[in-house]
Amino acid sequence: MWIDPDKLREFILETDLIAPAEFDDLAVRAKAKGSSLEEAILASGKVTEDDFRRIKAYLLGIPFVSLRKEKIERDTLSMIPEPIARKHNIVAFKKKGHELEVAMLDPENLEAIEFIKKGVGLKILPRLTDNESIRNILLQYQKSLKAEFGDIIEKESRLIKDSGALGEVDEGDLKKLAEDLPVVKIVATLLLHAILQQASDIHIEPFEQELVIRYRIDGVLHDAMILPKNAASGLTARIKILSNLRLDEKRLPQDGRFKIDSGGERMSFRVSVLPTFYGEKIVMRLLPDAIAGFTLEQLGFHGAGLERIHEGIRGKTGIILVTGPTGSGKSTTLYTILDILNKADVNISTIEDPIEYQVPRINQTQVKPEIGLTFAAGLRSLMRQDPDIIMVGEIRDQETANLAINAALTGHLVLSTLHTNSAAATMPRLLDMGVEPFLLVSTIRLVISQRLVRKLCAVREKYTLSETEVKELKNRVDVDRVMSELETENIVKSGEGWSKVSLARPATSPECADGYAHRIGIHEIMTLSPTLNELVMKGETGAKIEQEAKKEGMSTMLEDGIYKAATGITSIEEVFRVVSE
């Protein structure tokens, strides 16, 4: 739904929200940057997102509704599954006859409207609303579901206890136990609950007297539920059957995978079973089948670093590396870059372990070491598949590194990951693997190192740094470099200093228990200059390479984290917590 710029200008000027000269300046800057007028107005801070939605509703003739204090009937609320409501910011709030009124933040999301229409078989009447209204309704989902899940778990756990399934279960009865209705319900419930909680991992941990279920949400483990110890055999057997694992094998680790449908989306669960003193511990990694259309900006890239990435991926040859520890979002960054590069005129092939997202028009191969299909073997085969772009899931050894370099030297763009703590540490790590330095400087185009920090919720405690706190911060990070970037991106005016920077701390609320929700990346992006190449050839340390990279304009992860804290995305405490890990 297109808004006439002239009508928008007329309305905003009539309401004195923005001065005429300032509005015209915003329009010129938006055109120069290739962004929309709406983005420019919101970036100016003169109009909030919610106020702009009210303006949009008025100009488009769409009713605006506020649901900040409304309590929605459960039958109406449940007509839109919670994953769909959360993903698309759309909720059902009133049903009358054959019509269903839905409140949403984006009236142009026709895909969501059509999906809901097919699901409920009613005429959909879209209404615009604000962020606070959406948060209120989504919270109602959580309250009702938590109670519902708690009731199911308690009820079914009692049934297991009553069935006499205590202690060790005979191997011949494991399959029967796994198909027992209470066990099936409990497993289905904890899987669905984890999806709705947006957990990345499920931990099922047996102890002497109990079975502890924990979810990892936004990188932090939380207790989800505690079950009686007798439930362990049945739950383990059920998950093994779903994952096509051996029921009678309890001495050795096992790995498997299964999929379920949730809210119209396919979700994969990567399963790891490990024998422990009190039984088998299970960890399940949740992986959506398809990557959810991320952009580099949504992942946290910005400014000069973002420009370096775009420049790097425009090349036809060379290696682009994404580094960081496990769970730092490396795969998501790689897939997002692949999505940008995924055009009709290029052939993209990958070798992965595991395949975390399925991407249309990309040829993806799963590593299978048990039959000899390693990264190195798979990469050799990919080279004979006429690829333009190759993605190697991880460089783990010298052989894979040398093959990736050879691919880059023979006219291919290679993307891969590496486990290092910083961008500068990447080159020494590859040298330690036995890679020749002249090969590195000939092929490495770009190194991205990253971590994930939790984002602050809307309810937060705002503050500014005192002079003493600024001095303390200077001892840990180059605040002048951060301030320069804030000024460059017009976050603060030149010369204002840190006293004008509004920071925030987490504040608890009913909808946000610890003050954080979701995560975003903090990054450092290093390109290889002639000077840096000389340091690599000399075998210099990561510290010296980083020192030179900073001179050439690279922001460190810590500096990028402080930048994001200064823009209100996260807190300084969260940045220090993550970077120090």
Protein backbone atom coordinates (compact mmCIF):
# COMPACT_ATOMS: atom_id res chain seq x y z
CA MET A 1 0.00 0.00 0.00
CA TRP A 2 1.70 3.11 -1.34
CA ILE A 3 1.51 6.46 0.46
CA ASP A 4 1.55 9.60 -1.69
CA PRO A 5 4.66 11.59 -0.57
CA ASP A 6 2.81 14.88 -1.15
CA LYS A 7 -0.06 13.82 1.11
CA LEU A 8 2.44 12.62 3.72
CA ARG A 9 4.27 15.96 3.59
CA GLU A 10 1.01 17.89 3.85
CA PHE A 11 -0.17 15.92 6.88
CA ILE A 12 3.15 16.13 8.75
CA LEU A 13 3.51 19.85 8.14
CA GLU A 14 -0.08 20.55 9.18
CA THR A 15 0.48 18.75 12.47
CA ASP A 16 3.84 20.54 13.05
CA LEU A 17 5.65 17.24 13.57
CA ILE A 18 8.55 18.31 11.34
CA ALA A 19 9.48 21.75 10.02
CA PRO A 20 9.10 22.22 6.22
CA ALA A 21 12.82 22.78 5.56
CA GLU A 22 13.78 19.75 7.66
CA PHE A 23 11.20 17.56 5.91
CA ASP A 24 12.53 18.54 2.47
CA ASP A 25 16.09 17.86 3.66
CA LEU A 26 15.02 14.37 4.83
CA ALA A 27 13.46 13.69 1.42
CA VAL A 28 16.67 14.71 -0.39
CA ARG A 29 18.84 12.55 1.90
CA ALA A 30 16.52 9.57 1.49
CA LYS A 31 16.74 9.84 -2.30
CA ALA A 32 20.54 10.15 -2.20
CA LYS A 33 20.88 7.03 0.00
CA GLY A 34 18.32 5.06 -2.00
CA SER A 35 16.16 4.59 1.11
CA SER A 36 12.45 5.31 1.58
CA LEU A 37 11.04 8.56 2.92
CA GLU A 38 9.50 6.58 5.79
CA GLU A 39 12.93 5.24 6.82
CA ALA A 40 14.39 8.76 6.74
CA ILE A 41 11.58 10.19 8.88
CA LEU A 42 11.90 7.41 11.47
CA ALA A 43 15.71 7.75 11.53
CA SER A 44 15.34 11.46 12.31
CA GLY A 45 13.64 10.61 15.61
CA LYS A 46 10.96 13.25 15.04
CA VAL A 47 8.23 10.64 14.63
CA THR A 48 8.03 7.30 16.46
CA GLU A 49 7.19 4.02 14.68
CA ASP A 50 3.81 3.87 16.41
CA ASP A 51 2.95 7.49 15.51
CA PHE A 52 3.93 6.83 11.92
CA ARG A 53 1.59 3.82 11.84
CA ARG A 54 -1.25 6.07 12.97
CA ILE A 55 -0.37 8.49 10.19
CA LYS A 56 -0.23 5.63 7.70
CA ALA A 57 -3.61 4.30 8.86
CA TYR A 58 -5.17 7.74 8.40
CA LEU A 59 -3.70 8.31 4.93
CA LEU A 60 -4.53 4.79 3.72
CA GLY A 61 -8.01 4.78 5.22
CA ILE A 62 -7.31 1.69 7.35
CA PRO A 63 -8.83 1.61 10.86
CA PHE A 64 -6.33 1.90 13.70
CA VAL A 65 -6.95 -0.08 16.89
CA SER A 66 -5.26 -0.01 20.27
CA LEU A 67 -5.18 -3.34 22.10
CA ARG A 68 -2.85 -2.30 24.93
CA LYS A 69 -5.35 -3.18 27.67
CA GLU A 70 -7.57 -5.64 25.81
CA LYS A 71 -8.07 -9.24 26.93
CA ILE A 72 -8.74 -11.48 23.94
CA GLU A 73 -10.91 -14.61 24.18
CA ARG A 74 -8.77 -17.72 23.87
CA ASP A 75 -10.89 -19.20 21.04
CA THR A 76 -10.34 -16.04 18.99
CA LEU A 77 -6.67 -15.71 19.93
CA SER A 78 -5.87 -19.31 18.96
CA MET A 79 -7.22 -18.84 15.43
CA ILE A 80 -3.75 -17.58 14.56
CA PRO A 81 -0.97 -19.93 15.80
CA GLU A 82 1.46 -18.22 18.12
CA PRO A 83 4.56 -18.79 15.88
CA ILE A 84 2.74 -17.10 12.97
CA ALA A 85 1.50 -14.26 15.19
CA ARG A 86 5.01 -13.64 16.53
CA LYS A 87 6.77 -13.95 13.19
CA HIS A 88 4.43 -11.61 11.30
CA ASN A 89 3.28 -9.37 14.21
CA ILE A 90 -0.36 -10.14 13.49
CA VAL A 91 -3.04 -11.17 16.01
CA ALA A 92 -6.75 -12.01 15.88
CA PHE A 93 -8.84 -9.95 18.29
CA LYS A 94 -12.50 -10.06 17.19
CA LYS A 95 -14.66 -12.64 15.40
CA LYS A 96 -18.12 -11.75 14.20
CA GLY A 97 -20.03 -14.09 11.94
CA HIS A 98 -17.87 -14.97 8.95
CA GLU A 99 -15.44 -12.09 9.56
CA LEU A 100 -12.23 -12.05 11.59
CA GLU A 101 -10.59 -8.77 12.56
CA VAL A 102 -6.81 -8.95 12.82
CA ALA A 103 -4.43 -6.31 14.13
CA MET A 104 -1.00 -5.99 12.50
CA LEU A 105 2.01 -3.71 12.18
CA ASP A 106 2.41 -4.08 8.41
CA PRO A 107 -0.79 -3.92 6.33
CA GLU A 108 1.24 -4.79 3.22
CA ASN A 109 1.99 -8.29 4.51
CA LEU A 110 -0.48 -9.93 2.14
CA GLU A 111 1.26 -13.31 2.48
CA ALA A 112 0.35 -13.53 6.17
CA ILE A 113 -3.23 -12.40 5.53
CA GLU A 114 -3.70 -15.01 2.79
CA PHE A 115 -2.19 -17.77 4.99
CA ILE A 116 -4.56 -16.94 7.86
CA LYS A 117 -7.54 -16.73 5.48
CA LYS A 118 -6.85 -20.26 4.24
CA GLY A 119 -6.41 -21.54 7.78
CA VAL A 120 -9.61 -20.15 9.31
CA GLY A 121 -11.88 -19.97 6.25
CA LEU A 122 -13.14 -16.50 7.19
CA LYS A 123 -13.02 -13.05 5.64
CA ILE A 124 -10.00 -11.22 7.08
CA LEU A 125 -10.39 -7.55 8.05
CA PRO A 126 -6.89 -6.06 8.61
CA ARG A 127 -6.41 -3.26 11.15
CA LEU A 128 -3.27 -1.29 11.98
CA THR A 129 -2.01 -1.27 15.57
CA ASP A 130 1.08 -0.34 17.60
CA ASN A 131 3.99 -2.28 19.11
CA GLU A 132 2.61 -2.14 22.64
CA SER A 133 -0.69 -3.70 21.51
CA ILE A 134 1.10 -6.56 19.77
CA ARG A 135 3.27 -7.17 22.84
CA ASN A 136 0.17 -7.28 25.07
CA ILE A 137 -1.54 -9.91 22.92
CA LEU A 138 1.59 -12.01 22.45
CA LEU A 139 1.97 -12.05 26.24
CA GLN A 140 -1.53 -13.53 26.48
CA TYR A 141 -0.36 -16.39 24.29
CA GLN A 142 2.49 -17.08 26.67
CA LYS A 143 0.37 -17.00 29.81
CA SER A 144 -2.23 -19.41 28.47
CA LEU A 145 0.30 -21.75 26.87
CA LYS A 146 2.50 -21.92 29.95
CA ALA A 147 -0.46 -22.95 32.06
CA GLU A 148 -1.62 -25.40 29.41
CA PHE A 149 1.79 -27.02 29.05
CA GLY A 150 2.24 -27.21 32.79
CA ASP A 151 -1.08 -29.04 33.16
CA ILE A 152 -0.21 -31.51 30.39
CA ILE A 153 3.24 -32.27 31.81
CA GLU A 154 1.92 -32.75 35.34
CA LYS A 155 -0.96 -34.96 34.23
CA GLU A 156 1.05 -37.15 31.87
CA SER A 157 3.94 -37.50 34.32
CA ARG A 158 1.52 -38.93 36.88
CA LEU A 159 0.33 -41.44 34.33
CA ILE A 160 3.88 -42.58 33.68
CA LYS A 161 4.44 -42.97 37.42
CA ASP A 162 1.23 -44.90 37.78
CA SER A 163 2.14 -47.20 34.94
CA GLY A 164 4.99 -48.63 36.97
CA ALA A 165 7.71 -47.58 34.55
CA LEU A 166 10.30 -47.26 37.31
CA GLY A 167 14.05 -47.75 37.19
CA GLU A 168 15.66 -49.67 34.37
CA VAL A 169 13.38 -50.75 31.54
CA ASP A 170 13.95 -54.03 29.73
CA GLU A 171 15.25 -53.40 26.19
CA GLY A 172 12.41 -55.39 24.69
CA ASP A 173 9.88 -53.02 26.24
CA LEU A 174 11.54 -49.75 25.19
CA LYS A 175 9.68 -49.44 21.90
CA LYS A 176 6.36 -50.13 23.60
CA LEU A 177 7.19 -47.54 26.28
CA ALA A 178 8.11 -44.96 23.63
CA GLU A 179 4.69 -45.36 22.04
CA ASP A 180 2.88 -44.99 25.36
CA LEU A 181 0.43 -42.08 25.07
CA PRO A 182 1.68 -40.10 28.12
CA VAL A 183 5.27 -40.26 26.83
CA VAL A 184 4.22 -39.19 23.32
CA LYS A 185 2.27 -36.23 24.74
CA ILE A 186 5.11 -35.08 26.99
CA VAL A 187 7.69 -35.16 24.18
CA ALA A 188 5.35 -33.38 21.76
CA THR A 189 4.57 -30.76 24.41
CA LEU A 190 8.17 -29.97 25.35
CA LEU A 191 9.13 -29.71 21.64
CA LEU A 192 6.28 -27.33 20.89
CA HIS A 193 6.94 -25.33 24.03
CA ALA A 194 10.61 -24.92 23.03
CA ILE A 195 9.60 -23.66 19.58
CA LEU A 196 7.18 -21.13 21.03
CA GLN A 197 9.82 -19.98 23.52
CA GLN A 198 12.18 -19.52 20.56
CA ALA A 199 14.75 -21.78 22.19
CA SER A 200 17.88 -22.73 20.25
CA ASP A 201 18.57 -25.92 22.24
CA ILE A 202 16.75 -28.38 24.53
CA HIS A 203 18.73 -30.13 27.27
CA ILE A 204 17.27 -33.28 28.87
CA GLU A 205 19.49 -34.17 31.83
CA PRO A 206 19.04 -37.23 34.09
CA PHE A 207 20.11 -36.95 37.73
CA GLU A 208 19.74 -39.24 40.74
CA GLN A 209 16.20 -38.23 41.73
CA GLU A 210 14.86 -36.20 38.79
CA LEU A 211 14.92 -35.44 35.09
CA VAL A 212 15.72 -31.78 34.37
CA ILE A 213 14.57 -30.10 31.14
CA ARG A 214 16.35 -26.87 30.20
CA TYR A 215 15.97 -24.53 27.22
CA ARG A 216 18.72 -22.30 25.84
CA ILE A 217 17.03 -19.00 24.98
CA ASP A 218 19.05 -16.10 23.57
CA GLY A 219 22.24 -17.93 24.47
CA VAL A 220 21.35 -18.48 28.15
CA LEU A 221 20.13 -21.76 29.70
CA HIS A 222 16.85 -21.65 31.66
CA ASP A 223 15.12 -24.38 33.67
CA ALA A 224 11.93 -25.29 31.81
CA MET A 225 10.50 -28.19 33.81
CA ILE A 226 11.46 -30.99 36.21
CA LEU A 227 10.05 -34.49 35.69
CA PRO A 228 10.21 -37.58 37.88
CA LYS A 229 13.25 -39.77 37.20
CA ASN A 230 11.03 -42.61 36.00
CA ALA A 231 10.11 -40.56 32.92
CA ALA A 232 13.69 -40.74 31.59
CA SER A 233 13.52 -44.16 29.91
CA GLY A 234 10.33 -43.38 28.03
CA LEU A 235 11.39 -39.90 26.90
CA THR A 236 14.80 -41.13 25.75
CA ALA A 237 13.25 -44.02 23.85
CA ARG A 238 10.69 -41.73 22.21
CA ILE A 239 13.32 -39.25 21.03
CA LYS A 240 15.54 -42.11 19.79
CA ILE A 241 12.67 -43.48 17.70
CA LEU A 242 11.95 -40.03 16.23
CA SER A 243 15.66 -39.66 15.41
CA ASN A 244 16.03 -43.20 14.00
CA LEU A 245 18.63 -44.14 16.64
CA ARG A 246 19.31 -47.52 18.25
CA LEU A 247 17.16 -48.16 21.31
CA ASP A 248 19.41 -50.86 22.71
CA GLU A 249 22.61 -48.79 22.55
CA LYS A 250 23.20 -47.03 25.88
CA ARG A 251 26.99 -47.19 26.15
CA LEU A 252 28.03 -45.08 23.15
CA PRO A 253 27.06 -41.56 22.00
CA GLN A 254 24.58 -41.32 19.13
CA ASP A 255 23.60 -38.52 16.75
CA GLY A 256 20.38 -38.18 14.77
CA ARG A 257 17.83 -35.80 13.34
CA PHE A 258 14.07 -35.43 12.85
CA LYS A 259 11.56 -32.85 11.67
CA ILE A 260 8.15 -31.64 12.80
CA ASP A 261 5.59 -29.15 11.49
CA SER A 262 4.87 -26.09 13.64
CA GLY A 263 2.54 -23.30 12.63
CA GLY A 264 2.94 -24.02 8.95
CA GLU A 265 6.75 -24.16 9.20
CA ARG A 266 9.10 -27.14 9.22
CA MET A 267 11.48 -27.35 12.17
CA SER A 268 14.47 -29.70 12.29
CA PHE A 269 15.87 -31.10 15.54
CA ARG A 270 19.52 -32.18 15.58
CA VAL A 271 19.82 -34.77 18.35
CA SER A 272 22.89 -35.75 20.39
CA VAL A 273 22.67 -38.57 22.96
CA LEU A 274 25.52 -38.93 25.47
CA PRO A 275 25.84 -41.59 28.22
CA THR A 276 26.29 -40.06 31.70
CA PHE A 277 26.50 -41.51 35.24
CA TYR A 278 22.72 -41.32 35.83
CA GLY A 279 21.59 -42.18 32.31
CA GLU A 280 21.61 -40.76 28.79
CA LYS A 281 21.68 -36.99 28.40
CA ILE A 282 19.99 -35.59 25.30
CA VAL A 283 20.67 -32.23 23.65
CA MET A 284 18.51 -31.14 20.72
CA ARG A 285 19.42 -28.17 18.50
CA LEU A 286 16.40 -26.45 16.88
CA LEU A 287 16.94 -25.49 13.26
CA PRO A 288 14.30 -23.97 10.93
CA ASP A 289 14.28 -25.73 7.58
CA ALA A 290 14.53 -22.45 5.72
CA ILE A 291 16.41 -19.28 6.63
CA ALA A 292 13.94 -16.54 7.44
CA GLY A 293 14.98 -13.92 4.87
CA PHE A 294 17.59 -12.12 6.98
CA THR A 295 19.50 -9.12 5.70
CA LEU A 296 23.00 -8.14 6.76
CA GLU A 297 21.55 -5.05 8.43
CA GLN A 298 19.16 -7.20 10.50
CA LEU A 299 22.13 -9.28 11.65
CA GLY A 300 23.78 -6.14 13.04
CA PHE A 301 26.16 -5.09 10.25
CA HIS A 302 26.37 -1.36 9.59
CA GLY A 303 28.54 1.51 8.43
CA ALA A 304 32.04 0.91 7.08
CA GLY A 305 31.96 -2.78 8.07
CA LEU A 306 28.86 -3.38 5.96
CA GLU A 307 30.51 -1.64 3.01
CA ARG A 308 33.57 -3.90 3.42
CA ILE A 309 31.36 -6.99 3.20
CA HIS A 310 29.54 -5.80 0.08
CA GLU A 311 32.88 -4.96 -1.52
CA GLY A 312 34.27 -8.37 -0.57
CA ILE A 313 31.39 -10.42 -1.98
CA ARG A 314 31.49 -8.56 -5.29
CA GLY A 315 34.72 -10.41 -6.11
CA LYS A 316 34.65 -13.55 -8.25
CA THR A 317 37.56 -15.27 -6.49
CA GLY A 318 39.12 -15.46 -3.05
CA ILE A 319 38.11 -16.66 0.41
CA ILE A 320 35.67 -15.06 2.83
CA LEU A 321 35.87 -16.42 6.38
CA VAL A 322 33.38 -16.05 9.24
CA THR A 323 34.92 -16.84 12.63
CA GLY A 324 33.73 -17.20 16.20
CA PRO A 325 32.89 -19.83 18.82
CA THR A 326 30.06 -22.36 18.57
CA GLY A 327 26.65 -20.69 18.66
CA SER A 328 27.89 -17.26 17.57
CA GLY A 329 25.72 -17.08 14.44
CA LYS A 330 28.43 -17.91 11.88
CA SER A 331 26.16 -20.14 9.78
CA THR A 332 23.38 -17.54 9.70
CA THR A 333 25.84 -14.91 8.45
CA LEU A 334 27.14 -17.28 5.77
CA TYR A 335 23.65 -18.22 4.59
CA THR A 336 22.64 -14.55 4.46
CA ILE A 337 25.66 -13.80 2.25
CA LEU A 338 24.81 -16.82 0.09
CA ASP A 339 21.24 -15.51 -0.24
CA ILE A 340 22.63 -12.21 -1.59
CA LEU A 341 24.87 -14.07 -4.05
CA ASN A 342 22.18 -16.59 -5.08
CA LYS A 343 21.39 -15.42 -8.62
CA ALA A 344 20.27 -17.31 -11.70
CA ASP A 345 23.65 -16.87 -13.43
CA VAL A 346 25.79 -18.54 -10.74
CA ASN A 347 26.19 -22.14 -9.57
CA ILE A 348 26.50 -22.40 -5.78
CA SER A 349 27.50 -25.65 -4.09
CA THR A 350 28.04 -26.35 -0.40
CA ILE A 351 29.54 -29.08 1.77
CA GLU A 352 28.18 -28.87 5.33
CA ASP A 353 28.01 -30.65 8.67
CA PRO A 354 25.14 -30.41 9.30
CA ILE A 355 22.95 -28.70 6.70
CA GLU A 356 21.34 -26.14 9.00
CA TYR A 357 19.10 -24.37 6.48
CA GLN A 358 17.71 -25.51 3.16
CA VAL A 359 18.16 -22.84 0.47
CA PRO A 360 16.42 -22.95 -2.95
CA ARG A 361 18.69 -23.19 -6.02
CA ILE A 362 21.76 -24.08 -3.94
CA ASN A 363 23.28 -27.57 -4.15
CA GLN A 364 23.86 -28.69 -0.56
CA THR A 365 25.82 -31.80 0.47
CA GLN A 366 25.92 -33.33 3.96
CA VAL A 367 29.27 -34.54 5.33
CA LYS A 368 29.25 -38.28 6.17
CA PRO A 369 32.65 -39.24 7.64
CA GLU A 370 31.54 -42.83 8.33
CA ILE A 371 31.49 -43.51 4.57
CA GLY A 372 34.47 -41.33 3.72
CA LEU A 373 32.58 -38.16 2.71
CA THR A 374 34.62 -35.64 4.68
CA PHE A 375 34.93 -31.90 4.06
CA ALA A 376 38.10 -32.54 2.08
CA ALA A 377 36.62 -35.37 -0.02
CA GLY A 378 33.41 -33.41 -0.62
CA LEU A 379 35.34 -30.32 -1.63
CA ARG A 380 37.35 -32.33 -4.18
CA SER A 381 34.10 -33.55 -5.73
CA LEU A 382 32.52 -30.09 -5.71
CA MET A 383 35.42 -28.79 -7.78
CA ARG A 384 34.27 -31.09 -10.59
CA GLN A 385 30.70 -29.73 -10.43
CA ASP A 386 31.51 -26.47 -12.27
CA PRO A 387 30.75 -24.21 -9.29
CA ASP A 388 31.11 -20.43 -9.25
CA ILE A 389 30.73 -20.17 -5.47
CA ILE A 390 31.61 -22.82 -2.89
CA MET A 391 30.62 -22.85 0.77
CA VAL A 392 32.58 -25.13 3.09
CA GLY A 393 30.83 -25.50 6.44
CA GLU A 394 34.05 -25.41 8.47
CA ILE A 395 37.81 -25.51 7.91
CA ARG A 396 38.96 -28.06 10.48
CA ASP A 397 42.34 -29.23 9.19
CA GLN A 398 45.23 -28.46 6.85
CA GLU A 399 43.87 -30.60 4.02
CA THR A 400 40.52 -28.77 3.91
CA ALA A 401 42.29 -25.39 4.21
CA ASN A 402 44.63 -26.17 1.30
CA LEU A 403 41.78 -27.41 -0.87
CA ALA A 404 39.76 -24.23 -0.13
CA ILE A 405 42.79 -22.12 -1.05
CA ASN A 406 43.31 -24.11 -4.26
CA ALA A 407 39.64 -23.54 -5.14
CA ALA A 408 40.07 -19.80 -4.63
CA LEU A 409 43.24 -19.77 -6.76
CA THR A 410 41.46 -21.56 -9.62
CA GLY A 411 38.75 -18.94 -10.05
CA HIS A 412 36.14 -19.66 -7.35
CA LEU A 413 34.69 -17.60 -4.51
CA VAL A 414 34.94 -19.69 -1.34
CA LEU A 415 33.01 -19.06 1.88
CA SER A 416 33.76 -20.90 5.10
CA THR A 417 33.94 -20.72 8.90
CA LEU A 418 36.77 -21.11 11.38
CA HIS A 419 36.88 -21.31 15.16
CA THR A 420 38.92 -18.30 16.34
CA ASN A 421 38.30 -15.63 18.95
CA SER A 422 38.98 -12.62 16.72
CA ALA A 423 39.48 -11.63 13.09
CA ALA A 424 43.18 -10.98 13.63
CA ALA A 425 43.69 -14.43 15.19
CA THR A 426 42.49 -16.07 11.97
CA MET A 427 45.77 -15.77 10.08
CA PRO A 428 47.99 -17.21 12.87
CA ARG A 429 45.45 -20.04 13.29
CA LEU A 430 45.70 -20.98 9.60
CA LEU A 431 49.50 -20.72 9.75
CA ASP A 432 49.44 -23.09 12.75
CA MET A 433 47.48 -25.54 10.58
CA GLY A 434 50.43 -25.60 8.20
CA VAL A 435 49.09 -23.34 5.45
CA GLU A 436 51.82 -21.44 3.59
CA PRO A 437 51.69 -17.68 4.30
CA PHE A 438 52.03 -16.70 0.62
CA LEU A 439 48.89 -18.71 -0.14
CA LEU A 440 46.93 -16.90 2.59
CA VAL A 441 47.83 -13.40 1.38
CA SER A 442 46.96 -14.46 -2.18
CA THR A 443 43.47 -15.70 -1.39
CA ILE A 444 41.93 -14.30 1.86
CA ARG A 445 39.70 -11.34 0.92
CA LEU A 446 37.70 -10.78 4.07
CA VAL A 447 37.49 -12.05 7.65
CA ILE A 448 34.36 -11.52 9.74
CA SER A 449 34.54 -12.34 13.44
CA GLN A 450 31.41 -12.20 15.59
CA ARG A 451 29.53 -12.90 18.81
CA LEU A 452 25.84 -12.63 19.69
CA VAL A 453 24.54 -10.22 22.34
CA ARG A 454 21.02 -10.12 23.76
CA LYS A 455 18.80 -7.22 22.72
CA LEU A 456 17.07 -5.04 25.29
CA CYS A 457 13.30 -5.23 25.56
CA ALA A 458 11.11 -2.15 25.08
CA VAL A 459 10.86 -1.71 28.86
CA ARG A 460 14.30 -0.55 29.99
CA GLU A 461 16.09 1.75 32.47
CA LYS A 462 17.71 4.71 30.69
CA TYR A 463 20.81 6.54 31.95
CA THR A 464 23.89 8.45 30.84
CA LEU A 465 27.52 7.89 31.78
CA SER A 466 29.16 10.09 34.38
CA GLU A 467 32.66 11.45 33.81
CA THR A 468 34.06 8.77 36.09
CA GLU A 469 32.24 6.02 34.17
CA VAL A 470 33.50 7.40 30.85
CA LYS A 471 37.07 7.25 32.19
CA GLU A 472 36.53 3.65 33.34
CA LEU A 473 35.13 2.77 29.91
CA LYS A 474 38.19 4.34 28.24
CA ASN A 475 40.37 1.84 30.09
CA ARG A 476 38.66 -1.04 28.26
CA VAL A 477 37.75 0.37 24.85
CA ASP A 478 38.66 3.21 22.50
CA VAL A 479 35.56 5.34 23.15
CA ASP A 480 36.79 8.07 20.80
CA ARG A 481 36.62 5.65 17.86
CA VAL A 482 33.11 4.64 18.90
CA MET A 483 32.05 8.29 19.23
CA SER A 484 33.47 9.03 15.77
CA GLU A 485 31.31 6.27 14.29
CA LEU A 486 28.23 7.53 16.17
CA GLU A 487 28.84 10.98 14.70
CA THR A 488 29.45 9.57 11.20
CA GLU A 489 26.13 7.71 11.26
CA ASN A 490 24.32 10.75 12.74
CA ILE A 491 23.45 9.01 16.00
CA VAL A 492 24.83 11.99 17.93
CA LYS A 493 25.80 15.48 16.82
CA SER A 494 29.45 16.35 16.43
CA GLY A 495 31.06 17.53 19.66
CA GLU A 496 28.20 16.52 21.98
CA GLY A 497 30.22 13.85 23.76
CA TRP A 498 29.16 10.89 25.91
CA SER A 499 27.04 13.01 28.25
CA LYS A 500 24.43 13.21 25.48
CA VAL A 501 24.45 9.48 24.69
CA SER A 502 21.41 7.72 26.14
CA LEU A 503 22.29 4.21 27.35
CA ALA A 504 19.99 1.61 28.86
CA ARG A 505 19.96 -1.26 31.33
CA PRO A 506 17.53 -4.19 31.37
CA ALA A 507 14.33 -3.80 33.37
CA THR A 508 12.01 -6.69 34.16
CA SER A 509 8.42 -6.71 32.97
CA PRO A 510 5.63 -9.30 32.70
CA GLU A 511 6.45 -9.86 29.04
CA CYS A 512 10.23 -9.82 29.42
CA ALA A 513 11.42 -11.60 32.56
CA ASP A 514 15.12 -10.69 32.41
CA GLY A 515 14.90 -7.54 30.32
CA TYR A 516 16.30 -9.12 27.15
CA ALA A 517 14.72 -10.77 24.13
CA HIS A 518 16.34 -12.05 20.93
CA ARG A 519 19.97 -11.51 19.86
CA ILE A 520 22.01 -9.51 17.40
CA GLY A 521 25.61 -9.77 16.26
CA ILE A 522 28.61 -7.69 17.25
CA HIS A 523 31.34 -7.88 14.63
CA GLU A 524 34.79 -7.01 13.48
CA ILE A 525 35.46 -7.04 9.74
CA MET A 526 39.04 -7.20 8.51
CA THR A 527 40.21 -6.84 4.92
CA LEU A 528 43.77 -7.77 3.98
CA SER A 529 45.79 -4.69 3.01
CA PRO A 530 49.40 -4.79 1.69
CA THR A 531 50.66 -3.85 5.18
CA LEU A 532 48.65 -6.63 6.83
CA ASN A 533 49.86 -9.08 4.20
CA GLU A 534 53.45 -8.19 5.11
CA LEU A 535 52.73 -8.96 8.77
CA VAL A 536 51.23 -12.32 7.81
CA MET A 537 54.27 -13.17 5.67
CA LYS A 538 56.50 -12.39 8.66
CA GLY A 539 54.36 -14.68 10.88
CA GLU A 540 53.41 -11.88 13.29
CA THR A 541 51.07 -12.46 16.20
CA GLY A 542 47.34 -11.80 16.17
CA ALA A 543 47.88 -8.84 18.53
CA LYS A 544 50.16 -7.06 16.04
CA ILE A 545 47.82 -7.83 13.14
CA GLU A 546 44.89 -6.44 15.14
CA GLN A 547 46.85 -3.31 16.04
CA GLU A 548 47.53 -2.59 12.37
CA ALA A 549 43.95 -3.45 11.32
CA LYS A 550 42.63 -0.91 13.85
CA LYS A 551 44.95 1.73 12.38
CA GLU A 552 43.40 0.96 9.00
CA GLY A 553 39.88 1.51 10.32
CA MET A 554 38.71 -1.85 11.68
CA SER A 555 36.35 -1.63 14.64
CA THR A 556 36.80 -4.40 17.19
CA MET A 557 33.88 -6.49 18.46
CA LEU A 558 34.04 -4.64 21.76
CA GLU A 559 33.86 -1.27 20.00
CA ASP A 560 30.98 -2.47 17.85
CA GLY A 561 29.22 -3.70 21.00
CA ILE A 562 29.60 -0.30 22.70
CA TYR A 563 28.26 1.31 19.52
CA LYS A 564 25.17 -0.91 19.70
CA ALA A 565 24.77 -0.08 23.40
CA ALA A 566 24.94 3.63 22.52
CA THR A 567 22.17 3.14 19.96
CA GLY A 568 19.93 1.44 22.54
CA ILE A 569 20.07 -2.07 21.05
CA THR A 570 21.79 -3.75 23.99
CA SER A 571 23.48 -2.88 27.29
CA ILE A 572 27.15 -2.29 28.05
CA GLU A 573 27.00 -5.05 30.69
CA GLU A 574 25.77 -7.55 28.11
CA VAL A 575 28.55 -6.60 25.68
CA PHE A 576 31.25 -7.10 28.31
CA ARG A 577 29.68 -10.43 29.36
CA VAL A 578 29.75 -11.82 25.84
CA VAL A 579 33.16 -10.49 24.78
CA SER A 580 34.82 -11.79 27.96
CA GLU A 581 33.47 -15.35 27.47
